[in-house]
Protein backbone atom coordinates (compact mmCIF):
# COMPACT_ATOMS: atom_id res chain seq x y z
CA MET A 1 -109.44 -4.31 -10.55
CA GLY A 2 -110.22 -0.65 -11.14
CA ALA A 3 -106.59 0.45 -10.78
CA PHE A 4 -105.40 -2.38 -13.01
CA LYS A 5 -107.99 -1.57 -15.67
CA SER A 6 -107.06 2.09 -15.62
CA HIS A 7 -103.37 1.35 -15.79
CA TYR A 8 -103.45 -1.30 -18.50
CA PHE A 9 -106.63 -1.05 -20.52
CA HIS A 10 -107.58 2.61 -20.47
CA ILE A 11 -104.14 4.02 -21.19
CA LEU A 12 -102.46 1.03 -22.81
CA ARG A 13 -104.87 -0.38 -25.40
CA MET A 14 -102.21 -1.70 -27.72
CA ARG A 15 -99.71 -4.50 -27.84
CA SER A 16 -96.21 -3.92 -29.06
CA LEU A 17 -96.05 -4.68 -32.78
CA LEU A 18 -93.14 -7.00 -32.12
CA GLY A 19 -95.19 -8.63 -29.36
CA ILE A 20 -98.06 -9.80 -31.54
CA SER A 21 -96.70 -10.33 -35.02
CA THR A 22 -93.66 -10.48 -37.22
CA VAL A 23 -95.62 -8.90 -40.06
CA PHE A 24 -94.27 -5.42 -40.65
CA LEU A 25 -96.39 -2.47 -41.66
CA PHE A 26 -95.54 -0.26 -44.59
CA LEU A 27 -96.82 3.32 -44.75
CA PHE A 28 -98.39 4.59 -47.92
CA GLY A 29 -99.63 8.06 -48.68
CA CYS A 30 -98.60 11.44 -49.98
CA LYS A 31 -94.90 12.18 -49.99
CA GLN A 32 -93.92 14.58 -47.24
CA GLU A 33 -90.77 15.99 -45.73
CA LEU A 34 -89.36 14.06 -42.82
CA PRO A 35 -89.67 15.90 -39.49
CA THR A 36 -86.47 17.54 -38.25
CA LYS A 37 -84.65 17.57 -34.95
CA GLU A 38 -86.81 20.49 -33.81
CA ILE A 39 -89.42 18.01 -32.56
CA GLY A 40 -86.79 15.85 -30.88
CA CYS A 41 -84.53 16.82 -28.02
CA LYS A 42 -85.22 20.55 -28.26
CA THR A 43 -88.87 20.15 -27.36
CA SER A 44 -88.84 16.91 -25.36
CA GLN A 45 -89.17 16.81 -21.58
CA ILE A 46 -87.24 13.53 -21.60
CA PRO A 47 -83.51 13.78 -20.84
CA CYS A 48 -81.50 13.31 -24.03
CA LEU A 49 -78.13 11.56 -24.06
CA GLU A 50 -75.50 13.63 -25.82
CA GLY A 51 -72.75 11.02 -25.97
CA LEU A 52 -72.35 7.38 -25.02
CA ALA A 53 -73.46 5.53 -21.91
CA VAL A 54 -72.97 1.99 -20.64
CA VAL A 55 -75.77 0.12 -18.86
CA ASP A 56 -75.39 -3.22 -17.09
CA LEU A 57 -78.48 -5.43 -17.35
CA GLN A 58 -78.21 -7.95 -14.54
CA THR A 59 -80.33 -10.95 -15.50
CA GLU A 60 -80.89 -14.21 -13.69
CA ARG A 61 -78.62 -15.89 -16.27
CA GLY A 62 -75.79 -13.37 -16.08
CA SER A 63 -74.83 -9.81 -16.96
CA VAL A 64 -75.52 -8.16 -20.32
CA VAL A 65 -73.68 -4.88 -20.90
CA VAL A 66 -75.10 -2.51 -23.49
CA GLN A 67 -73.68 0.69 -24.91
CA LEU A 68 -76.23 3.42 -25.58
CA ASP A 69 -75.47 5.68 -28.56
CA GLY A 70 -76.69 9.17 -27.79
CA ARG A 71 -74.66 10.58 -30.67
CA ARG A 72 -76.96 8.92 -33.21
CA ALA A 73 -80.14 8.34 -31.16
CA PRO A 74 -80.09 10.97 -28.39
CA LEU A 75 -83.77 10.92 -27.45
CA THR A 76 -84.22 7.14 -27.58
CA ALA A 77 -80.97 6.44 -25.73
CA GLY A 78 -81.78 9.16 -23.20
CA ASN A 79 -85.22 7.68 -22.56
CA PHE A 80 -83.73 4.23 -21.89
CA MET A 81 -81.04 5.64 -19.59
CA ASP A 82 -83.63 7.67 -17.67
CA LEU A 83 -85.84 4.62 -17.17
CA ALA A 84 -82.84 2.58 -16.01
CA LYS A 85 -81.96 5.28 -13.47
CA ARG A 86 -85.55 5.32 -12.24
CA GLY A 87 -85.48 1.56 -11.64
CA VAL A 88 -88.30 0.96 -14.13
CA TYR A 89 -86.63 -2.16 -15.53
CA ASN A 90 -85.79 -3.74 -12.19
CA GLY A 91 -87.66 -7.01 -11.69
CA THR A 92 -89.22 -7.03 -15.15
CA LEU A 93 -89.31 -10.13 -17.35
CA PHE A 94 -88.10 -10.89 -20.84
CA HIS A 95 -91.64 -11.69 -21.86
CA ARG A 96 -90.95 -12.60 -25.48
CA VAL A 97 -88.09 -14.74 -26.78
CA VAL A 98 -88.22 -15.87 -30.41
CA ARG A 99 -85.59 -18.32 -31.67
CA SER A 100 -87.69 -20.63 -33.83
CA PRO A 101 -87.93 -21.23 -36.73
CA MET A 102 -84.90 -18.91 -36.76
CA PRO A 103 -83.32 -16.49 -34.27
CA PHE A 104 -85.23 -13.21 -34.03
CA VAL A 105 -85.36 -11.18 -30.80
CA VAL A 106 -85.34 -11.20 -27.02
CA GLN A 107 -87.84 -8.60 -25.82
CA GLY A 108 -88.44 -7.07 -22.39
CA GLY A 109 -89.04 -3.77 -20.63
CA ASP A 110 -92.77 -4.03 -19.88
CA PRO A 111 -93.15 -2.59 -16.34
CA GLY A 112 -96.27 -4.69 -15.79
CA THR A 113 -94.27 -7.91 -15.87
CA ALA A 114 -92.74 -6.95 -12.51
CA ASP A 115 -96.21 -6.75 -10.94
CA PRO A 116 -97.54 -10.13 -9.71
CA LYS A 117 -101.10 -8.81 -10.05
CA VAL A 118 -100.72 -8.45 -13.81
CA PRO A 119 -101.69 -11.64 -15.70
CA GLN A 120 -99.35 -13.09 -18.30
CA SER A 121 -102.00 -12.43 -20.92
CA ALA A 122 -101.29 -8.71 -20.47
CA TYR A 123 -97.52 -9.01 -20.90
CA GLY A 124 -96.39 -6.85 -23.78
CA THR A 125 -99.13 -4.23 -23.31
CA GLY A 126 -97.38 -2.07 -20.73
CA ASN A 127 -95.71 1.32 -20.99
CA PHE A 128 -93.90 3.55 -18.52
CA ILE A 129 -96.40 5.64 -16.57
CA ASP A 130 -94.92 8.91 -15.37
CA PRO A 131 -95.61 9.07 -11.61
CA ILE A 132 -95.95 12.85 -11.72
CA THR A 133 -98.48 13.11 -14.55
CA SER A 134 -99.98 9.59 -14.25
CA GLU A 135 -99.78 9.44 -18.03
CA ALA A 136 -97.91 7.07 -20.31
CA ARG A 137 -94.64 8.36 -21.73
CA PHE A 138 -94.23 7.88 -25.47
CA ILE A 139 -91.29 8.84 -27.65
CA PRO A 140 -91.21 9.38 -31.42
CA LEU A 141 -89.50 7.13 -33.92
CA GLU A 142 -85.95 8.45 -34.23
CA PHE A 143 -83.30 7.96 -36.90
CA GLN A 144 -80.04 9.56 -37.87
CA LEU A 145 -79.56 9.51 -41.63
CA ALA A 146 -76.32 7.75 -42.51
CA THR A 147 -75.40 10.08 -45.36
CA SER A 148 -76.13 13.48 -43.84
CA GLY A 149 -76.07 12.88 -40.08
CA LYS A 150 -79.46 14.59 -39.85
CA LEU A 151 -81.85 13.44 -37.13
CA VAL A 152 -85.40 12.77 -38.30
CA TYR A 153 -88.47 11.90 -36.25
CA GLY A 154 -91.91 10.41 -36.44
CA GLN A 155 -91.82 8.59 -39.76
CA GLU A 156 -90.56 5.24 -41.03
CA LEU A 157 -87.79 5.25 -43.59
CA THR A 158 -89.50 3.02 -46.14
CA THR A 159 -87.74 4.39 -49.21
CA THR A 160 -84.89 2.44 -50.79
CA SER A 161 -82.93 5.63 -51.36
CA LEU A 162 -79.45 5.61 -49.86
CA LEU A 163 -80.12 9.17 -48.73
CA LYS A 164 -82.64 7.87 -46.20
CA LYS A 165 -80.77 4.94 -44.68
CA PRO A 166 -80.41 4.98 -40.88
CA SER A 167 -76.91 5.11 -39.42
CA LEU A 168 -77.84 2.56 -36.72
CA ILE A 169 -79.00 -0.76 -38.14
CA HIS A 170 -80.15 -4.10 -36.80
CA ASP A 171 -76.99 -6.15 -36.38
CA ARG A 172 -76.75 -9.12 -34.03
CA GLY A 173 -76.73 -7.60 -30.54
CA SER A 174 -78.39 -4.32 -31.53
CA ILE A 175 -80.84 -2.96 -28.96
CA ALA A 176 -83.94 -1.16 -30.23
CA MET A 177 -87.35 0.05 -29.09
CA ALA A 178 -90.51 -2.01 -29.53
CA ARG A 179 -93.73 -0.18 -30.36
CA SER A 180 -97.25 -0.59 -31.76
CA ASP A 181 -98.18 0.26 -35.35
CA ASP A 182 -98.07 3.95 -34.39
CA PRO A 183 -94.50 5.08 -35.15
CA ASN A 184 -94.55 7.37 -32.12
CA SER A 185 -95.69 4.81 -29.54
CA ALA A 186 -92.39 3.51 -28.13
CA SER A 187 -92.25 3.81 -24.35
CA SER A 188 -90.20 1.38 -22.26
CA GLN A 189 -90.22 -1.94 -24.10
CA PHE A 190 -87.03 -2.87 -25.93
CA TYR A 191 -85.59 -5.83 -27.79
CA ILE A 192 -82.18 -7.26 -28.61
CA ALA A 193 -81.63 -8.66 -32.10
CA LEU A 194 -80.40 -12.26 -32.15
CA LYS A 195 -79.17 -11.92 -35.73
CA PRO A 196 -78.99 -9.18 -38.39
CA LEU A 197 -82.55 -8.04 -39.14
CA PRO A 198 -82.36 -5.70 -42.14
CA GLU A 199 -86.13 -5.98 -42.60
CA LEU A 200 -86.53 -3.87 -39.44
CA ASP A 201 -84.08 -1.13 -40.44
CA GLY A 202 -85.84 2.21 -40.83
CA ARG A 203 -88.92 0.91 -39.02
CA TYR A 204 -87.74 0.57 -35.43
CA SER A 205 -85.29 2.82 -33.60
CA VAL A 206 -81.96 1.19 -32.80
CA PHE A 207 -80.19 3.06 -30.00
CA GLY A 208 -77.25 0.91 -28.97
CA LYS A 209 -75.68 -2.53 -28.90
CA VAL A 210 -74.57 -5.33 -26.60
CA ILE A 211 -70.84 -4.97 -25.94
CA GLN A 212 -70.51 -7.78 -23.42
CA GLY A 213 -72.62 -10.80 -22.52
CA MET A 214 -74.21 -11.72 -25.84
CA GLU A 215 -73.76 -15.35 -24.79
CA VAL A 216 -76.07 -14.52 -21.86
CA VAL A 217 -78.67 -13.12 -24.25
CA ASP A 218 -78.45 -16.39 -26.19
CA ARG A 219 -79.30 -18.28 -22.98
CA LEU A 220 -82.29 -16.15 -21.96
CA GLN A 221 -85.63 -17.91 -21.89
CA GLN A 222 -89.14 -16.48 -21.96
CA ASN A 223 -90.08 -14.91 -18.59
CA ASP A 224 -86.50 -14.86 -17.30
CA LYS A 225 -86.02 -11.91 -14.97
CA LEU A 226 -84.09 -8.69 -15.52
CA ILE A 227 -83.00 -8.26 -11.90
CA LYS A 228 -81.56 -4.77 -12.20
CA ALA A 229 -80.56 -2.22 -14.85
CA ARG A 230 -77.66 -0.06 -13.71
CA VAL A 231 -76.04 2.89 -15.51
CA VAL A 232 -72.32 2.19 -15.26
CA SER A 233 -70.86 5.21 -17.07
CA THR A 234 -71.61 8.11 -19.35
CA ASN A 235 -69.28 9.83 -21.79
CA ARG A 236 -70.42 13.19 -23.02
């Protein structure tokens, strides 16, 4: 129990915001400049993706192929590709599927769901733990501004100004990172949008889209297994 407690309750004391509520948090406070790319790929130890990559998610109901967009979300897409290469997603479960009262998301990526010792009550609390440092890996909220192409980090885009609209939005089939109420708490958990979700734009980092197998996503049920995530190709 000691190892489990250390792994899940000492380091991971938060549930993904998408995992516990569909109420979205708005940030209020003094106006400040959005952080720049300098705190993104240039300072991160996580491999960034400079172009596009294709990842095949082999589920027990079929294959879902996603395209990662490193041109517009290099750190977030690079994190997902790195975790796929490490095998972090292999054997994990889609622990949250919301289709009622209307289609919402299919969510997975919690490494703890692949561990039979982890109770279902803890699903949605897990992050990727770096085996070298034994610490959880977190990545900042990341957006590319649609108008300028500038990458900004660490802050929600809550303004209605067209100048601060993200270039990647929540369309049906978009893949994005789940997180807690801390904008810089995304780790390994991700979700696929079952319909356009404009209410999430500027609040969660979209980093790609389903390009094949959306009908498989529509068939996924809660606790279905993601058998293996495999990087098929990269295009730099």
